[in-house]
Amino acid sequence: MDTTQLLKGVLDLAVLAVLRDEDGYGYDILRRLRSAGLEEVGDASVYGTLRRLFQAGMLTTYVVPSEEGPHRKYYALNAAGRTQLSASSKVWRGFAQTMDQLIGETA
């Protein structure tokens, strides 16, 4: 199965989930997604998702000086982002449950 199409549909949720407990900068968020099992997620997709979520008012940003290289822009969930994470998680669980039932019937 081609997971790239699945990723497109759940990347917003995955990024919000990664930021639930800890703020992060772009590459850090990408690394956390990949270490969680989303190895095929692309750099551009994550950075585009971060920009879109920020523009939608679900994330805040702040800059932290770096001793090695350029300053890093950190992303953090705000109240709207936490609300969206909760709502999207419920939708995902329902969808996953339906798929589990469908697959169980044919497996």
C-alpha atoms as a PDB file:
ATOM      1  CA  MET A   1       0.000   0.000   0.000  1.00  0.00           C
ATOM      2  CA  ASP A   2       1.252   3.482  -0.876  1.00  0.00           C
ATOM      3  CA  THR A   3       1.451   5.311   2.430  1.00  0.00           C
ATOM      4  CA  THR A   4       2.038   8.738   0.861  1.00  0.00           C
ATOM      5  CA  GLN A   5      -1.697   9.208   0.286  1.00  0.00           C
ATOM      6  CA  LEU A   6      -2.455   8.136   3.851  1.00  0.00           C
ATOM      7  CA  LEU A   7       0.136  10.596   5.149  1.00  0.00           C
ATOM      8  CA  LYS A   8      -1.487  13.479   3.288  1.00  0.00           C
ATOM      9  CA  GLY A   9      -4.724  12.823   5.117  1.00  0.00           C
ATOM     10  CA  VAL A  10      -3.276  12.539   8.610  1.00  0.00           C
ATOM     11  CA  LEU A  11      -0.202  14.771   8.630  1.00  0.00           C
ATOM     12  CA  ASP A  12      -1.992  17.663  10.366  1.00  0.00           C
ATOM     13  CA  LEU A  13      -3.079  15.310  13.138  1.00  0.00           C
ATOM     14  CA  ALA A  14       0.396  13.764  13.398  1.00  0.00           C
ATOM     15  CA  VAL A  15       2.104  17.155  13.689  1.00  0.00           C
ATOM     16  CA  LEU A  16      -0.378  18.353  16.310  1.00  0.00           C
ATOM     17  CA  ALA A  17       0.132  15.114  18.260  1.00  0.00           C
ATOM     18  CA  VAL A  18       3.921  15.470  18.166  1.00  0.00           C
ATOM     19  CA  LEU A  19       3.602  18.981  19.603  1.00  0.00           C
ATOM     20  CA  ARG A  20       1.113  17.974  22.314  1.00  0.00           C
ATOM     21  CA  ASP A  21       3.701  17.540  25.063  1.00  0.00           C
ATOM     22  CA  GLU A  22       6.742  19.395  23.760  1.00  0.00           C
ATOM     23  CA  ASP A  23       7.360  22.370  21.469  1.00  0.00           C
ATOM     24  CA  GLY A  24       9.698  21.801  18.549  1.00  0.00           C
ATOM     25  CA  TYR A  25      11.441  23.361  15.571  1.00  0.00           C
ATOM     26  CA  GLY A  26      10.972  22.116  12.020  1.00  0.00           C
ATOM     27  CA  TYR A  27      13.699  19.499  11.774  1.00  0.00           C
ATOM     28  CA  ASP A  28      13.029  18.287  15.326  1.00  0.00           C
ATOM     29  CA  ILE A  29       9.355  17.745  14.475  1.00  0.00           C
ATOM     30  CA  LEU A  30      10.333  15.886  11.297  1.00  0.00           C
ATOM     31  CA  ARG A  31      12.744  13.694  13.273  1.00  0.00           C
ATOM     32  CA  ARG A  32      10.086  12.894  15.901  1.00  0.00           C
ATOM     33  CA  LEU A  33       7.550  11.953  13.227  1.00  0.00           C
ATOM     34  CA  ARG A  34      10.059   9.649  11.539  1.00  0.00           C
ATOM     35  CA  SER A  35      11.154   8.045  14.800  1.00  0.00           C
ATOM     36  CA  ALA A  36       7.478   7.412  15.618  1.00  0.00           C
ATOM     37  CA  GLY A  37       7.192   5.321  12.447  1.00  0.00           C
ATOM     38  CA  LEU A  38       6.342   7.837   9.713  1.00  0.00           C
ATOM     39  CA  GLU A  39       9.667   7.316   7.940  1.00  0.00           C
ATOM     40  CA  GLU A  40       8.302   8.330   4.540  1.00  0.00           C
ATOM     41  CA  VAL A  41       7.145  11.803   5.570  1.00  0.00           C
ATOM     42  CA  GLY A  42       8.877  14.449   3.487  1.00  0.00           C
ATOM     43  CA  ASP A  43      10.629  17.580   4.695  1.00  0.00           C
ATOM     44  CA  ALA A  44       8.564  19.890   2.483  1.00  0.00           C
ATOM     45  CA  SER A  45       5.325  18.282   3.634  1.00  0.00           C
ATOM     46  CA  VAL A  46       6.123  18.880   7.300  1.00  0.00           C
ATOM     47  CA  TYR A  47       7.276  22.471   6.784  1.00  0.00           C
ATOM     48  CA  GLY A  48       4.194  23.199   4.672  1.00  0.00           C
ATOM     49  CA  THR A  49       1.955  21.680   7.336  1.00  0.00           C
ATOM     50  CA  LEU A  50       3.591  23.783  10.045  1.00  0.00           C
ATOM     51  CA  ARG A  51       3.036  26.955   8.005  1.00  0.00           C
ATOM     52  CA  ARG A  52      -0.584  26.026   7.300  1.00  0.00           C
ATOM     53  CA  LEU A  53      -1.351  25.166  10.945  1.00  0.00           C
ATOM     54  CA  PHE A  54       0.274  28.414  12.079  1.00  0.00           C
ATOM     55  CA  GLN A  55      -1.719  30.450   9.560  1.00  0.00           C
ATOM     56  CA  ALA A  56      -4.892  28.676  10.685  1.00  0.00           C
ATOM     57  CA  GLY A  57      -4.233  29.866  14.241  1.00  0.00           C
ATOM     58  CA  MET A  58      -3.493  26.465  15.768  1.00  0.00           C
ATOM     59  CA  LEU A  59       0.185  27.065  16.530  1.00  0.00           C
ATOM     60  CA  THR A  60       2.247  29.842  18.013  1.00  0.00           C
ATOM     61  CA  THR A  61       5.908  30.405  17.235  1.00  0.00           C
ATOM     62  CA  TYR A  62       8.926  31.805  19.001  1.00  0.00           C
ATOM     63  CA  VAL A  63      12.592  32.075  18.065  1.00  0.00           C
ATOM     64  CA  VAL A  64      15.416  30.583  20.108  1.00  0.00           C
ATOM     65  CA  PRO A  65      19.017  31.617  19.416  1.00  0.00           C
ATOM     66  CA  SER A  66      21.266  28.739  18.419  1.00  0.00           C
ATOM     67  CA  GLU A  67      24.937  28.498  19.257  1.00  0.00           C
ATOM     68  CA  GLU A  68      25.394  26.383  16.139  1.00  0.00           C
ATOM     69  CA  GLY A  69      23.980  27.968  12.997  1.00  0.00           C
ATOM     70  CA  PRO A  70      20.890  30.103  12.524  1.00  0.00           C
ATOM     71  CA  HIS A  71      18.220  30.789  15.132  1.00  0.00           C
ATOM     72  CA  ARG A  72      15.481  28.172  15.375  1.00  0.00           C
ATOM     73  CA  LYS A  73      11.783  28.888  15.038  1.00  0.00           C
ATOM     74  CA  TYR A  74       9.902  26.770  17.561  1.00  0.00           C
ATOM     75  CA  TYR A  75       6.258  25.800  17.159  1.00  0.00           C
ATOM     76  CA  ALA A  76       3.878  25.281  20.068  1.00  0.00           C
ATOM     77  CA  LEU A  77       0.257  24.195  20.338  1.00  0.00           C
ATOM     78  CA  ASN A  78      -2.113  26.894  21.514  1.00  0.00           C
ATOM     79  CA  ALA A  79      -5.701  26.463  22.763  1.00  0.00           C
ATOM     80  CA  ALA A  80      -7.116  26.249  19.226  1.00  0.00           C
ATOM     81  CA  GLY A  81      -4.506  23.633  18.319  1.00  0.00           C
ATOM     82  CA  ARG A  82      -5.352  21.532  21.361  1.00  0.00           C
ATOM     83  CA  THR A  83      -9.039  21.737  20.493  1.00  0.00           C
ATOM     84  CA  GLN A  84      -8.273  20.659  16.916  1.00  0.00           C
ATOM     85  CA  LEU A  85      -6.056  17.825  18.157  1.00  0.00           C
ATOM     86  CA  SER A  86      -8.872  16.533  20.359  1.00  0.00           C
ATOM     87  CA  ALA A  87     -11.483  16.757  17.582  1.00  0.00           C
ATOM     88  CA  SER A  88      -9.213  15.210  14.940  1.00  0.00           C
ATOM     89  CA  SER A  89      -8.209  12.410  17.317  1.00  0.00           C
ATOM     90  CA  LYS A  90     -11.869  11.469  17.798  1.00  0.00           C
ATOM     91  CA  VAL A  91     -12.445  11.430  14.038  1.00  0.00           C
ATOM     92  CA  TRP A  92      -9.301   9.331  13.513  1.00  0.00           C
ATOM     93  CA  ARG A  93     -10.294   6.799  16.184  1.00  0.00           C
ATOM     94  CA  GLY A  94     -13.720   6.364  14.611  1.00  0.00           C
ATOM     95  CA  PHE A  95     -12.223   5.961  11.157  1.00  0.00           C
ATOM     96  CA  ALA A  96      -9.591   3.503  12.390  1.00  0.00           C
ATOM     97  CA  GLN A  97     -12.246   1.481  14.207  1.00  0.00           C
ATOM     98  CA  THR A  98     -14.330   1.275  11.032  1.00  0.00           C
ATOM     99  CA  MET A  99     -11.306   0.176   9.007  1.00  0.00           C
ATOM    100  CA  ASP A 100     -10.380  -2.414  11.645  1.00  0.00           C
ATOM    101  CA  GLN A 101     -13.889  -3.835  11.396  1.00  0.00           C
ATOM    102  CA  LEU A 102     -13.743  -3.918   7.599  1.00  0.00           C
ATOM    103  CA  ILE A 103     -10.340  -5.544   7.524  1.00  0.00           C
ATOM    104  CA  GLY A 104     -11.350  -8.015  10.217  1.00  0.00           C
ATOM    105  CA  GLU A 105     -14.282  -9.118   8.082  1.00  0.00           C
ATOM    106  CA  THR A 106     -12.040  -9.916   5.123  1.00  0.00           C
ATOM    107  CA  ALA A 107      -8.934 -11.164   6.909  1.00  0.00           C
END
